Amino acid sequence: MDAQQTIRLPGSGIAPTDESTPTGRAGDLTPSMITADQWSDETLAAAGIPVIDTSIVSVGGGMGSFVFVDHLRIAGVPATAIKVLGVNDHPWDTYEYLTKNSQIPRKERLRSDSASTPDNIWGFPSYAMREAWHAKGIIKKLDPIWNVLSEPILTDYFTPRAGQVFSAIEREAERISYFDCTVKGLVRMTRKRIGGGYFTILTPPTGTTATKRVAYRSRFVHAAVGYPGLRFLPDLQEYRSKYDSTRVVNAYEPHEHVYEEINRHGGTVIVRGGGIVASRILQRLIDDRDATSNNVAIVHLFRTYITGSHGPGIRWRRPGANGWAYQGFNWPKAAWGGQLRVQLEKATDEERKALFDVMGGTTTPHRKLWLRQLARGRREGWYRTRIGEVEQVFSRGGAVITRIKTDGEIVELPASFIIDATGLEADISEHRYLRDLLEHSGAGRNSKNRLDVDAGFELRNTNSGNGRIYAVGSPTLGGYYAGVDSFLGLQYAALRIVDQLAAQGFCKRIGPIRSISQWVAWRRGKKI
């Protein structure tokens, strides 16, 4: 059995198992094309695959693609020179799917700071200012402003509501004509073009084109495909394969039936994980308990239990208590734009890996609401924690039994449901498109086993004449920047890439004058 089971995410680009098998239809890939690392124009013509020319292709169609297109348009690149290939209707679709399932609906707050604004590359006005500001130009409430002025000493970090972020992105997408750039379909692969540049193969929705495949010929390719799917640990995978998939669920997949049944009949829920998603799952369970008096019992299973401040040396001390490690964001703040960012860029590969090992780890924000809820649960006895290593998960008498090894003894924990909040799939080879890049483009892996990019997010060893491939987001973790899987990280990557494109004469540089004029256009809502 594989170590993990991967379940496809909407918009992730994982192909059905038979996707790479030639069918003999007009405009299909031939066996020789699938095995070749480079194609010529004649190769595509002989296969009957139509070719569409464009300057730059962004693969993914999610948040990474949107942020990149926003920077390109502000840098003066016309919408007609950009193609965004993916299956999403909106750039936030996959992100909202994950946040909604992990109990962060539009009205709840994300783990992102006030100035990380994917709809606004300048970060001003911030989300806090926008929440405080009335449409008529007056301040309607001071709480958000006080929050950012006093965080994190007197207040918790300010974070925007998910709905605020998505609505702002929608406005900006309309302003920059983002949807004019998008083409729906499943991206099959990107291959080098003999003579320079690349061919990116798209499988459009059935019946929308005369041929099964369409090729986009471009000088530049931007890979922003995100996570390949949901991860299940071996014991949970075995349970789902042997019994059912309704009693053991991943926090990122739809699992509303868990809360509905618990609210009707009560029961015990085991929550696994120690990050923000586990925090949100616990809050949902406790909110429902308070609202319905369902008498749910919660068992929170930790493999590593944090009892206080911890870390290698005073510089890396991180607060913690009751099993949790507390940190406002998934990386220290200095990793986004301070000394840790500079240190990562200057480090050798081995030094960089060591830095990631020290900075990493599962954390959750210190939020007073969660802490009060859990403290009440401990006092009243319906929330308890267990520490141990899982030996087996199985079904017995209608219950899900988790057998753990703790303090040298074996303990069995019965429950109605298990909610796994341990994370997302991180193996880039699970992603069909990324796997093809590794096998045919010359792309390699970094010290964290992700895509090897340089400080400007260019995918190393993938040049094709004057063509370049850039990669962003979670598949590049372990490179020269820590917060790649964040709003600010996507903006930082986009700005670095646009600077390189400007140096190659492809677009204008976003210098002070252009930046100010474009901010004024953004503030006025002027279409570009």
Protein backbone atom coordinates (compact mmCIF):
# COMPACT_ATOMS: atom_id res chain seq x y z
CA MET A 1 0.00 0.00 0.00
CA ASP A 2 1.22 3.50 -0.77
CA ALA A 3 2.29 5.62 2.16
CA GLN A 4 -0.46 8.12 1.43
CA GLN A 5 -3.65 8.36 -0.58
CA THR A 6 -4.20 11.43 -2.71
CA ILE A 7 -7.67 12.74 -3.49
CA ARG A 8 -7.92 15.22 -6.32
CA LEU A 9 -8.74 18.84 -5.51
CA PRO A 10 -10.99 20.92 -7.78
CA GLY A 11 -8.70 22.85 -10.11
CA SER A 12 -5.61 20.87 -9.11
CA GLY A 13 -4.99 19.57 -12.60
CA ILE A 14 -4.60 15.91 -11.67
CA ALA A 15 -5.66 13.92 -14.70
CA PRO A 16 -7.85 10.82 -14.75
CA THR A 17 -5.76 7.66 -14.87
CA ASP A 18 -6.38 7.19 -18.59
CA GLU A 19 -5.68 10.81 -19.54
CA SER A 20 -2.20 10.10 -20.89
CA THR A 21 -3.31 7.14 -23.02
CA PRO A 22 -3.56 8.06 -26.72
CA THR A 23 -7.04 7.53 -28.14
CA GLY A 24 -6.37 7.99 -31.83
CA ARG A 25 -8.77 10.92 -32.06
CA ALA A 26 -7.98 13.90 -34.25
CA GLY A 27 -5.60 16.26 -32.52
CA ASP A 28 -4.39 13.74 -29.96
CA LEU A 29 -0.91 13.15 -28.60
CA THR A 30 1.04 10.36 -30.27
CA PRO A 31 3.21 7.90 -28.33
CA SER A 32 6.38 9.48 -29.76
CA MET A 33 5.24 12.94 -28.61
CA ILE A 34 4.60 11.71 -25.07
CA THR A 35 8.13 10.35 -24.76
CA ALA A 36 9.90 13.28 -26.46
CA ASP A 37 11.37 16.19 -24.47
CA GLN A 38 11.13 18.68 -27.35
CA TRP A 39 8.69 19.22 -30.19
CA SER A 40 8.89 21.13 -33.44
CA ASP A 41 6.12 23.10 -35.09
CA GLU A 42 5.91 20.30 -37.63
CA THR A 43 5.33 17.74 -34.86
CA LEU A 44 2.14 19.52 -33.79
CA ALA A 45 0.99 19.96 -37.39
CA ALA A 46 1.50 16.26 -38.14
CA ALA A 47 -0.53 15.31 -35.04
CA GLY A 48 -3.35 17.61 -36.10
CA ILE A 49 -3.14 19.67 -32.93
CA PRO A 50 -4.04 23.32 -33.57
CA VAL A 51 -1.53 25.88 -32.28
CA ILE A 52 -2.48 29.21 -30.71
CA ASP A 53 0.23 31.85 -30.29
CA THR A 54 0.51 33.97 -27.18
CA SER A 55 3.35 35.66 -25.32
CA ILE A 56 2.94 34.14 -21.88
CA VAL A 57 0.94 31.24 -20.46
CA SER A 58 0.00 30.87 -16.79
CA VAL A 59 -0.93 27.31 -15.86
CA GLY A 60 -3.32 26.87 -12.95
CA GLY A 61 -6.05 29.49 -13.03
CA GLY A 62 -6.03 29.96 -9.26
CA MET A 63 -4.75 32.61 -6.89
CA GLY A 64 -1.18 32.37 -8.20
CA SER A 65 -2.30 32.99 -11.77
CA PHE A 66 -4.50 35.91 -10.76
CA VAL A 67 -1.79 37.66 -8.73
CA PHE A 68 0.70 37.21 -11.60
CA VAL A 69 -1.71 38.56 -14.23
CA ASP A 70 -2.46 41.53 -11.97
CA HIS A 71 1.25 42.40 -11.91
CA LEU A 72 1.58 41.89 -15.66
CA ARG A 73 -1.34 44.18 -16.43
CA ILE A 74 0.00 46.86 -14.07
CA ALA A 75 3.35 46.51 -15.86
CA GLY A 76 1.65 47.31 -19.16
CA VAL A 77 1.23 43.86 -20.69
CA PRO A 78 -2.00 43.74 -22.74
CA ALA A 79 -4.59 41.13 -21.86
CA THR A 80 -4.32 39.77 -25.40
CA ALA A 81 -0.72 38.68 -24.72
CA ILE A 82 -1.68 36.52 -21.71
CA LYS A 83 -3.43 33.17 -21.52
CA VAL A 84 -4.46 31.60 -18.21
CA LEU A 85 -5.16 27.89 -18.58
CA GLY A 86 -7.12 25.95 -15.97
CA VAL A 87 -10.46 24.53 -14.93
CA ASN A 88 -11.56 27.16 -12.41
CA ASP A 89 -14.39 29.58 -13.14
CA HIS A 90 -12.87 32.09 -10.69
CA PRO A 91 -9.32 32.39 -9.33
CA TRP A 92 -10.48 31.86 -5.75
CA ASP A 93 -12.49 28.67 -6.43
CA THR A 94 -9.98 26.09 -5.17
CA TYR A 95 -8.94 28.27 -2.24
CA GLU A 96 -12.56 28.80 -1.19
CA TYR A 97 -13.23 25.06 -1.53
CA LEU A 98 -10.43 24.40 0.97
CA THR A 99 -11.31 27.20 3.38
CA LYS A 100 -15.02 26.40 3.39
CA ASN A 101 -14.45 22.69 4.09
CA SER A 102 -11.93 23.50 6.82
CA GLN A 103 -14.58 25.62 8.54
CA ILE A 104 -13.55 29.07 7.33
CA PRO A 105 -16.62 30.23 5.39
CA ARG A 106 -16.80 33.70 3.90
CA LYS A 107 -17.84 35.36 7.15
CA GLU A 108 -14.89 33.95 9.13
CA ARG A 109 -11.31 35.22 9.22
CA LEU A 110 -8.31 33.78 7.40
CA ARG A 111 -4.73 33.38 8.62
CA SER A 112 -3.40 36.35 6.69
CA ASP A 113 -2.40 39.80 7.82
CA SER A 114 -4.02 43.12 7.02
CA ALA A 115 -1.53 44.18 4.33
CA SER A 116 -1.47 40.88 2.39
CA THR A 117 -3.94 42.02 -0.25
CA PRO A 118 -3.90 39.93 -3.45
CA ASP A 119 -6.20 42.43 -5.17
CA ASN A 120 -3.86 45.35 -4.41
CA ILE A 121 -0.11 44.93 -4.97
CA TRP A 122 0.66 48.00 -2.85
CA GLY A 123 -1.05 46.74 0.33
CA PHE A 124 -2.63 50.15 0.96
CA PRO A 125 -5.32 50.66 1.99
CA SER A 126 -5.07 47.46 3.98
CA TYR A 127 -7.95 45.15 4.78
CA ALA A 128 -8.23 46.70 8.24
CA MET A 129 -8.51 50.19 6.77
CA ARG A 130 -11.12 49.01 4.28
CA GLU A 131 -13.12 47.32 7.04
CA ALA A 132 -13.00 50.53 9.08
CA TRP A 133 -13.75 52.86 6.19
CA HIS A 134 -17.26 53.72 5.06
CA ALA A 135 -18.06 53.98 1.36
CA LYS A 136 -18.90 57.66 1.85
CA GLY A 137 -15.35 58.41 2.99
CA ILE A 138 -15.80 58.43 6.75
CA ILE A 139 -14.53 56.03 9.40
CA LYS A 140 -17.43 53.80 10.48
CA LYS A 141 -15.60 51.90 13.22
CA LEU A 142 -12.23 52.11 14.95
CA ASP A 143 -11.85 48.49 16.05
CA PRO A 144 -9.89 47.28 12.99
CA ILE A 145 -7.51 50.26 13.15
CA TRP A 146 -6.91 49.76 16.87
CA ASN A 147 -6.36 46.08 16.21
CA VAL A 148 -3.46 46.62 13.78
CA LEU A 149 -1.95 49.37 15.93
CA SER A 150 -1.90 47.20 19.06
CA GLU A 151 -1.20 43.74 17.61
CA PRO A 152 0.11 41.34 18.80
CA ILE A 153 0.81 42.75 22.28
CA LEU A 154 -2.64 43.98 23.31
CA THR A 155 -4.74 42.25 20.67
CA ASP A 156 -4.54 39.22 18.40
CA TYR A 157 -3.31 39.79 14.84
CA PHE A 158 -5.91 41.35 12.56
CA THR A 159 -6.93 38.99 9.78
CA PRO A 160 -9.43 39.64 6.97
CA ARG A 161 -12.67 37.80 6.47
CA ALA A 162 -12.60 35.31 3.60
CA GLY A 163 -15.55 37.00 1.89
CA GLN A 164 -13.78 40.37 1.96
CA VAL A 165 -10.80 38.85 0.16
CA PHE A 166 -12.84 37.08 -2.52
CA SER A 167 -15.03 40.11 -3.25
CA ALA A 168 -11.97 42.34 -3.60
CA ILE A 169 -10.33 39.87 -5.99
CA GLU A 170 -13.48 39.77 -8.10
CA ARG A 171 -13.46 43.57 -8.45
CA GLU A 172 -9.80 43.61 -9.43
CA ALA A 173 -10.27 40.75 -11.89
CA GLU A 174 -12.93 42.76 -13.67
CA ARG A 175 -10.75 45.89 -13.63
CA ILE A 176 -7.75 44.21 -15.26
CA SER A 177 -9.84 42.12 -17.72
CA TYR A 178 -8.57 38.92 -16.10
CA PHE A 179 -11.43 36.81 -17.40
CA ASP A 180 -10.58 37.82 -20.98
CA CYS A 181 -7.27 35.98 -20.46
CA THR A 182 -8.72 32.71 -19.18
CA VAL A 183 -9.22 29.52 -21.19
CA LYS A 184 -10.95 26.58 -19.54
CA GLY A 185 -9.51 23.12 -19.78
CA LEU A 186 -7.18 20.57 -18.25
CA VAL A 187 -3.50 21.30 -18.80
CA ARG A 188 -1.71 18.14 -19.92
CA MET A 189 1.93 19.22 -20.19
CA THR A 190 4.45 21.88 -21.22
CA ARG A 191 7.23 20.82 -23.58
CA LYS A 192 10.17 22.74 -25.00
CA ARG A 193 9.81 23.99 -28.56
CA ILE A 194 12.67 23.40 -30.98
CA GLY A 195 13.77 26.93 -31.86
CA GLY A 196 12.83 28.42 -28.49
CA GLY A 197 9.82 28.82 -26.27
CA TYR A 198 7.29 26.19 -25.26
CA PHE A 199 4.15 24.33 -26.21
CA THR A 200 1.54 23.94 -23.47
CA ILE A 201 -1.08 21.31 -24.20
CA LEU A 202 -4.66 21.92 -23.11
CA THR A 203 -7.56 19.46 -23.13
CA PRO A 204 -10.64 21.69 -23.50
CA PRO A 205 -14.07 20.66 -22.18
CA THR A 206 -15.66 17.98 -24.34
CA GLY A 207 -17.47 19.36 -27.36
CA THR A 208 -15.98 22.86 -27.21
CA THR A 209 -13.29 22.31 -29.85
CA ALA A 210 -12.95 20.27 -33.03
CA THR A 211 -9.88 18.47 -31.70
CA LYS A 212 -9.17 16.78 -28.39
CA ARG A 213 -6.07 18.90 -27.68
CA VAL A 214 -5.03 22.49 -28.31
CA ALA A 215 -1.43 23.73 -28.07
CA TYR A 216 -0.45 27.19 -26.81
CA ARG A 217 2.89 28.35 -28.19
CA SER A 218 4.56 30.93 -25.94
CA ARG A 219 7.91 32.38 -24.98
CA PHE A 220 7.18 32.27 -21.25
CA VAL A 221 5.35 29.82 -18.99
CA HIS A 222 4.22 30.49 -15.43
CA ALA A 223 3.38 27.37 -13.36
CA ALA A 224 0.98 28.14 -10.50
CA VAL A 225 -0.80 24.86 -9.93
CA GLY A 226 -0.85 24.71 -6.11
CA TYR A 227 -1.35 21.51 -4.13
CA PRO A 228 -2.11 18.30 -6.02
CA GLY A 229 -4.67 16.92 -3.59
CA LEU A 230 -5.66 15.85 -0.09
CA ARG A 231 -3.37 13.69 1.99
CA PHE A 232 -4.42 10.73 4.10
CA LEU A 233 -2.04 9.12 6.55
CA PRO A 234 -1.49 5.37 6.11
CA ASP A 235 -3.73 4.25 9.01
CA LEU A 236 -6.60 6.44 7.85
CA GLN A 237 -6.13 5.38 4.24
CA GLU A 238 -6.31 1.74 5.30
CA TYR A 239 -9.53 2.34 7.24
CA ARG A 240 -11.19 4.13 4.32
CA SER A 241 -10.16 1.38 1.91
CA LYS A 242 -11.35 -1.43 4.18
CA TYR A 243 -14.48 0.07 5.74
CA ASP A 244 -15.93 3.40 4.55
CA SER A 245 -15.06 7.02 3.88
CA THR A 246 -17.85 8.66 5.89
CA ARG A 247 -16.53 8.01 9.41
CA VAL A 248 -12.93 9.03 8.70
CA VAL A 249 -12.70 12.33 6.82
CA ASN A 250 -10.10 14.88 5.81
CA ALA A 251 -10.73 18.39 7.10
CA TYR A 252 -10.27 19.77 3.58
CA GLU A 253 -12.90 17.54 1.93
CA PRO A 254 -16.65 18.10 2.28
CA HIS A 255 -17.70 16.60 5.60
CA GLU A 256 -20.77 18.50 6.72
CA HIS A 257 -22.47 15.16 7.40
CA VAL A 258 -20.21 14.76 10.44
CA TYR A 259 -21.60 17.86 12.15
CA GLU A 260 -25.17 17.08 11.11
CA GLU A 261 -25.08 13.59 12.63
CA ILE A 262 -23.32 14.76 15.78
CA ASN A 263 -25.88 17.54 16.22
CA ARG A 264 -28.73 15.01 15.89
CA HIS A 265 -27.35 12.11 17.88
CA GLY A 266 -24.28 13.29 19.81
CA GLY A 267 -21.18 11.14 19.98
CA THR A 268 -17.42 11.35 20.18
CA VAL A 269 -15.18 12.99 17.58
CA ILE A 270 -11.42 12.48 17.39
CA VAL A 271 -9.55 15.44 15.89
CA ARG A 272 -6.01 14.89 14.63
CA GLY A 273 -3.63 17.78 13.93
CA GLY A 274 -2.20 20.80 15.70
CA GLY A 275 -2.47 23.62 13.16
CA ILE A 276 -4.99 26.32 12.32
CA VAL A 277 -7.31 23.86 10.58
CA ALA A 278 -7.53 21.75 13.73
CA SER A 279 -8.33 24.96 15.62
CA ARG A 280 -11.14 25.79 13.22
CA ILE A 281 -12.57 22.25 13.37
CA LEU A 282 -12.59 22.41 17.16
CA GLN A 283 -14.28 25.80 17.11
CA ARG A 284 -17.01 24.47 14.80
CA LEU A 285 -17.62 21.46 17.05
CA ILE A 286 -17.78 23.63 20.16
CA ASP A 287 -20.00 26.28 18.51
CA ASP A 288 -22.42 23.53 17.48
CA ARG A 289 -22.29 22.05 20.98
CA ASP A 290 -23.23 25.40 22.49
CA ALA A 291 -25.98 26.03 19.94
CA THR A 292 -27.63 22.58 19.93
CA SER A 293 -26.67 21.07 23.30
CA ASN A 294 -25.60 17.97 21.37
CA ASN A 295 -23.36 16.74 24.20
CA VAL A 296 -20.48 15.97 21.83
CA ALA A 297 -17.28 14.66 23.38
CA ILE A 298 -14.05 15.74 21.70
CA VAL A 299 -10.77 13.84 21.87
CA HIS A 300 -7.83 15.78 20.47
CA LEU A 301 -5.02 13.45 19.50
CA PHE A 302 -1.49 14.89 19.47
CA ARG A 303 1.63 13.08 18.36
CA THR A 304 3.84 15.87 19.77
CA TYR A 305 2.55 17.75 22.80
CA ILE A 306 3.83 21.28 23.48
CA THR A 307 3.79 22.43 27.10
CA GLY A 308 5.47 25.84 26.89
CA SER A 309 7.91 28.00 24.99
CA HIS A 310 10.17 25.85 22.85
CA GLY A 311 12.78 26.03 20.11
CA PRO A 312 16.54 25.71 19.55
CA GLY A 313 17.92 28.76 21.30
CA ILE A 314 16.41 32.04 22.44
CA ARG A 315 16.28 33.45 18.90
CA TRP A 316 13.91 30.71 17.79
CA ARG A 317 11.76 30.45 20.91
CA ARG A 318 8.09 29.93 20.07
CA PRO A 319 5.30 30.16 22.69
CA GLY A 320 3.07 27.15 23.25
CA ALA A 321 0.77 25.46 25.75
CA ASN A 322 -1.72 22.61 26.08
CA GLY A 323 -0.31 20.80 23.05
CA TRP A 324 -0.27 23.80 20.70
CA ALA A 325 2.61 25.80 19.23
CA TYR A 326 1.50 29.42 18.81
CA GLN A 327 2.54 31.64 15.91
CA GLY A 328 0.57 34.36 14.17
CA PHE A 329 1.35 33.10 10.67
CA ASN A 330 2.79 29.95 9.17
CA TRP A 331 6.29 31.51 9.08
CA PRO A 332 7.97 34.12 11.28
CA LYS A 333 7.14 37.65 10.12
CA ALA A 334 10.80 38.34 9.26
CA ALA A 335 10.70 35.60 6.62
CA TRP A 336 8.38 37.66 4.42
CA GLY A 337 10.36 40.88 4.19
CA GLY A 338 12.90 41.08 7.01
CA GLN A 339 16.22 39.62 8.02
CA LEU A 340 15.15 35.99 7.55
CA ARG A 341 14.25 36.67 3.92
CA VAL A 342 17.71 38.14 3.33
CA GLN A 343 19.33 35.28 5.22
CA LEU A 344 17.51 32.68 3.10
CA GLU A 345 18.60 34.35 -0.14
CA LYS A 346 22.26 34.48 0.92
CA ALA A 347 22.40 30.96 2.39
CA THR A 348 23.88 27.88 0.76
CA ASP A 349 21.56 24.99 -0.01
CA GLU A 350 22.49 23.20 3.21
CA GLU A 351 22.16 26.37 5.29
CA ARG A 352 18.80 27.07 3.68
CA LYS A 353 17.53 23.59 4.47
CA ALA A 354 18.62 24.02 8.10
CA LEU A 355 16.82 27.36 8.30
CA PHE A 356 13.61 25.82 6.98
CA ASP A 357 13.88 23.01 9.49
CA VAL A 358 14.23 25.51 12.34
CA MET A 359 11.48 27.88 11.15
CA GLY A 360 9.03 25.16 10.15
CA GLY A 361 6.61 23.10 12.17
CA THR A 362 2.89 23.04 12.76
CA THR A 363 1.53 26.14 14.47
CA THR A 364 -1.74 27.92 15.09
CA PRO A 365 -2.49 31.58 15.86
CA HIS A 366 -2.99 32.63 19.48
CA ARG A 367 -6.66 33.61 19.44
CA LYS A 368 -8.52 34.31 22.64
CA LEU A 369 -11.81 32.78 21.43
CA TRP A 370 -10.26 29.37 20.80
CA LEU A 371 -8.31 29.40 24.04
CA ARG A 372 -11.40 30.24 26.10
CA GLN A 373 -13.44 27.51 24.39
CA LEU A 374 -10.83 24.83 24.97
CA ALA A 375 -10.24 25.91 28.56
CA ARG A 376 -13.98 25.59 29.22
CA GLY A 377 -14.01 22.16 27.56
CA ARG A 378 -11.17 20.95 29.79
CA ARG A 379 -12.92 22.23 32.90
CA GLU A 380 -16.24 20.63 32.01
CA GLY A 381 -14.65 17.40 30.78
CA TRP A 382 -16.01 17.18 27.23
CA TYR A 383 -12.70 18.20 25.59
CA ARG A 384 -9.64 16.13 26.41
CA THR A 385 -6.28 15.56 24.82
CA ARG A 386 -4.36 12.33 24.28
CA ILE A 387 -0.73 11.95 23.24
CA GLY A 388 0.55 8.98 21.33
CA GLU A 389 1.54 7.30 18.12
CA VAL A 390 -1.28 5.70 16.14
CA GLU A 391 -0.87 1.94 15.69
CA GLN A 392 -4.12 1.16 13.86
CA VAL A 393 -7.57 2.50 13.03
CA PHE A 394 -10.37 -0.05 12.62
CA SER A 395 -14.10 -0.56 12.98
CA ARG A 396 -15.72 -2.45 15.85
CA GLY A 397 -19.35 -2.50 16.92
CA GLY A 398 -20.24 0.51 14.79
CA ALA A 399 -17.47 2.65 16.30
CA VAL A 400 -14.18 3.83 14.83
CA ILE A 401 -11.39 2.58 17.09
CA THR A 402 -8.02 4.35 17.19
CA ARG A 403 -5.34 2.23 18.80
CA ILE A 404 -2.43 4.35 20.05
CA LYS A 405 0.84 3.68 21.81
CA THR A 406 1.30 6.08 24.72
CA ASP A 407 3.71 5.92 27.63
CA GLY A 408 4.66 2.37 26.74
CA GLU A 409 1.12 1.02 26.73
CA ILE A 410 -1.55 0.44 24.08
CA VAL A 411 -4.79 2.41 24.45
CA GLU A 412 -7.93 2.16 22.32
CA LEU A 413 -9.99 5.31 21.68
CA PRO A 414 -13.54 4.70 20.37
CA ALA A 415 -15.29 7.44 18.41
CA SER A 416 -18.15 8.16 16.05
CA PHE A 417 -15.92 10.08 13.63
CA ILE A 418 -12.29 11.01 13.00
CA ILE A 419 -11.47 14.36 11.40
CA ASP A 420 -7.93 14.47 10.01
CA ALA A 421 -6.49 17.99 10.02
CA THR A 422 -2.84 17.03 9.49
CA GLY A 423 -2.32 18.79 6.17
CA LEU A 424 -2.35 18.69 2.38
CA GLU A 425 -0.47 16.50 -0.06
CA ALA A 426 3.03 17.89 -0.60
CA ASP A 427 4.63 15.40 -3.02
CA ILE A 428 4.95 17.24 -6.32
CA SER A 429 5.20 13.99 -8.27
CA GLU A 430 1.54 13.37 -7.39
CA HIS A 431 0.67 16.25 -9.70
CA ARG A 432 0.43 15.17 -13.31
CA TYR A 433 1.67 18.47 -14.76
CA LEU A 434 4.56 18.86 -12.30
CA ARG A 435 5.58 15.25 -12.76
CA ASP A 436 5.80 15.84 -16.50
CA LEU A 437 8.01 18.90 -15.92
CA LEU A 438 10.34 16.80 -13.78
CA GLU A 439 10.52 14.05 -16.40
CA HIS A 440 10.81 16.09 -19.60
CA SER A 441 11.74 19.76 -19.04
CA GLY A 442 15.00 19.44 -17.10
CA ALA A 443 13.41 20.66 -13.86
CA GLY A 444 14.86 19.30 -10.64
CA ARG A 445 14.13 19.20 -6.94
CA ASN A 446 15.48 21.36 -4.12
CA SER A 447 16.60 20.32 -0.65
CA LYS A 448 12.96 20.09 0.50
CA ASN A 449 12.13 17.84 -2.47
CA ARG A 450 10.10 20.53 -4.22
CA LEU A 451 10.72 22.35 -7.51
CA ASP A 452 14.18 23.90 -7.73
CA VAL A 453 13.77 27.59 -8.56
CA ASP A 454 16.28 30.43 -8.35
CA ALA A 455 15.85 33.63 -6.35
CA GLY A 456 13.72 35.07 -9.15
CA PHE A 457 11.46 31.99 -9.27
CA GLU A 458 12.81 30.80 -12.59
CA LEU A 459 12.65 27.00 -12.83
CA ARG A 460 16.26 25.97 -13.15
CA ASN A 461 17.53 24.07 -16.22
CA THR A 462 14.33 24.57 -18.20
CA ASN A 463 15.45 27.31 -20.62
CA SER A 464 14.35 26.91 -24.22
CA GLY A 465 16.16 29.46 -26.38
CA ASN A 466 14.97 32.82 -25.06
CA GLY A 467 12.06 31.12 -23.32
CA ARG A 468 11.78 30.77 -19.56
CA ILE A 469 9.57 28.80 -17.16
CA TYR A 470 8.72 30.30 -13.78
CA ALA A 471 7.10 28.47 -10.87
CA VAL A 472 5.37 29.79 -7.75
CA GLY A 473 3.38 28.62 -4.75
CA SER A 474 3.62 25.56 -2.56
CA PRO A 475 5.51 23.39 -5.11
CA THR A 476 8.54 25.71 -4.70
CA LEU A 477 8.82 25.54 -0.90
CA GLY A 478 12.43 25.19 0.17
CA GLY A 479 13.83 27.80 -2.20
CA TYR A 480 14.96 31.34 -1.56
CA TYR A 481 11.70 32.50 0.00
CA ALA A 482 9.77 30.91 2.84
CA GLY A 483 6.22 32.20 2.53
CA VAL A 484 5.58 30.96 -1.00
CA ASP A 485 2.19 29.49 -0.07
CA SER A 486 0.63 32.78 1.06
CA PHE A 487 -0.96 35.88 -0.44
CA LEU A 488 2.14 37.97 0.21
CA GLY A 489 4.38 35.19 -1.07
CA LEU A 490 2.50 35.03 -4.37
CA GLN A 491 2.78 38.81 -4.71
CA TYR A 492 6.49 38.75 -3.92
CA ALA A 493 7.08 36.01 -6.50
CA ALA A 494 5.04 37.86 -9.13
CA LEU A 495 7.01 41.07 -8.59
CA ARG A 496 10.34 39.25 -8.88
CA ILE A 497 9.24 37.56 -12.10
CA VAL A 498 7.90 40.79 -13.60
CA ASP A 499 11.23 42.48 -12.81
CA GLN A 500 13.01 39.75 -14.79
CA LEU A 501 10.55 40.04 -17.67
CA ALA A 502 11.11 43.80 -17.72
CA ALA A 503 14.90 43.24 -17.83
CA GLN A 504 14.33 41.08 -20.91
CA GLY A 505 12.29 43.82 -22.57
CA PHE A 506 8.98 42.00 -22.33
CA CYS A 507 7.15 44.59 -20.19
CA LYS A 508 7.62 47.87 -18.39
CA ARG A 509 9.28 47.98 -15.00
CA ILE A 510 6.97 48.89 -12.12
CA GLY A 511 9.08 51.80 -10.91
CA PRO A 512 8.01 54.65 -8.57
CA ILE A 513 6.19 56.77 -11.17
CA ARG A 514 4.38 53.88 -12.78
CA SER A 515 3.54 52.44 -9.38
CA ILE A 516 1.96 55.69 -8.16
CA SER A 517 -0.04 56.23 -11.34
CA GLN A 518 -1.28 52.65 -11.31
CA TRP A 519 -2.24 52.90 -7.65
CA VAL A 520 -4.33 55.97 -8.46
CA ALA A 521 -6.00 53.98 -11.26
CA TRP A 522 -6.65 51.12 -8.84
CA ARG A 523 -8.10 53.47 -6.22
CA ARG A 524 -10.46 54.98 -8.80
CA GLY A 525 -11.43 51.57 -10.15
CA LYS A 526 -10.24 52.53 -13.62
CA LYS A 527 -10.13 49.60 -16.03
CA ILE A 528 -6.81 48.81 -17.68
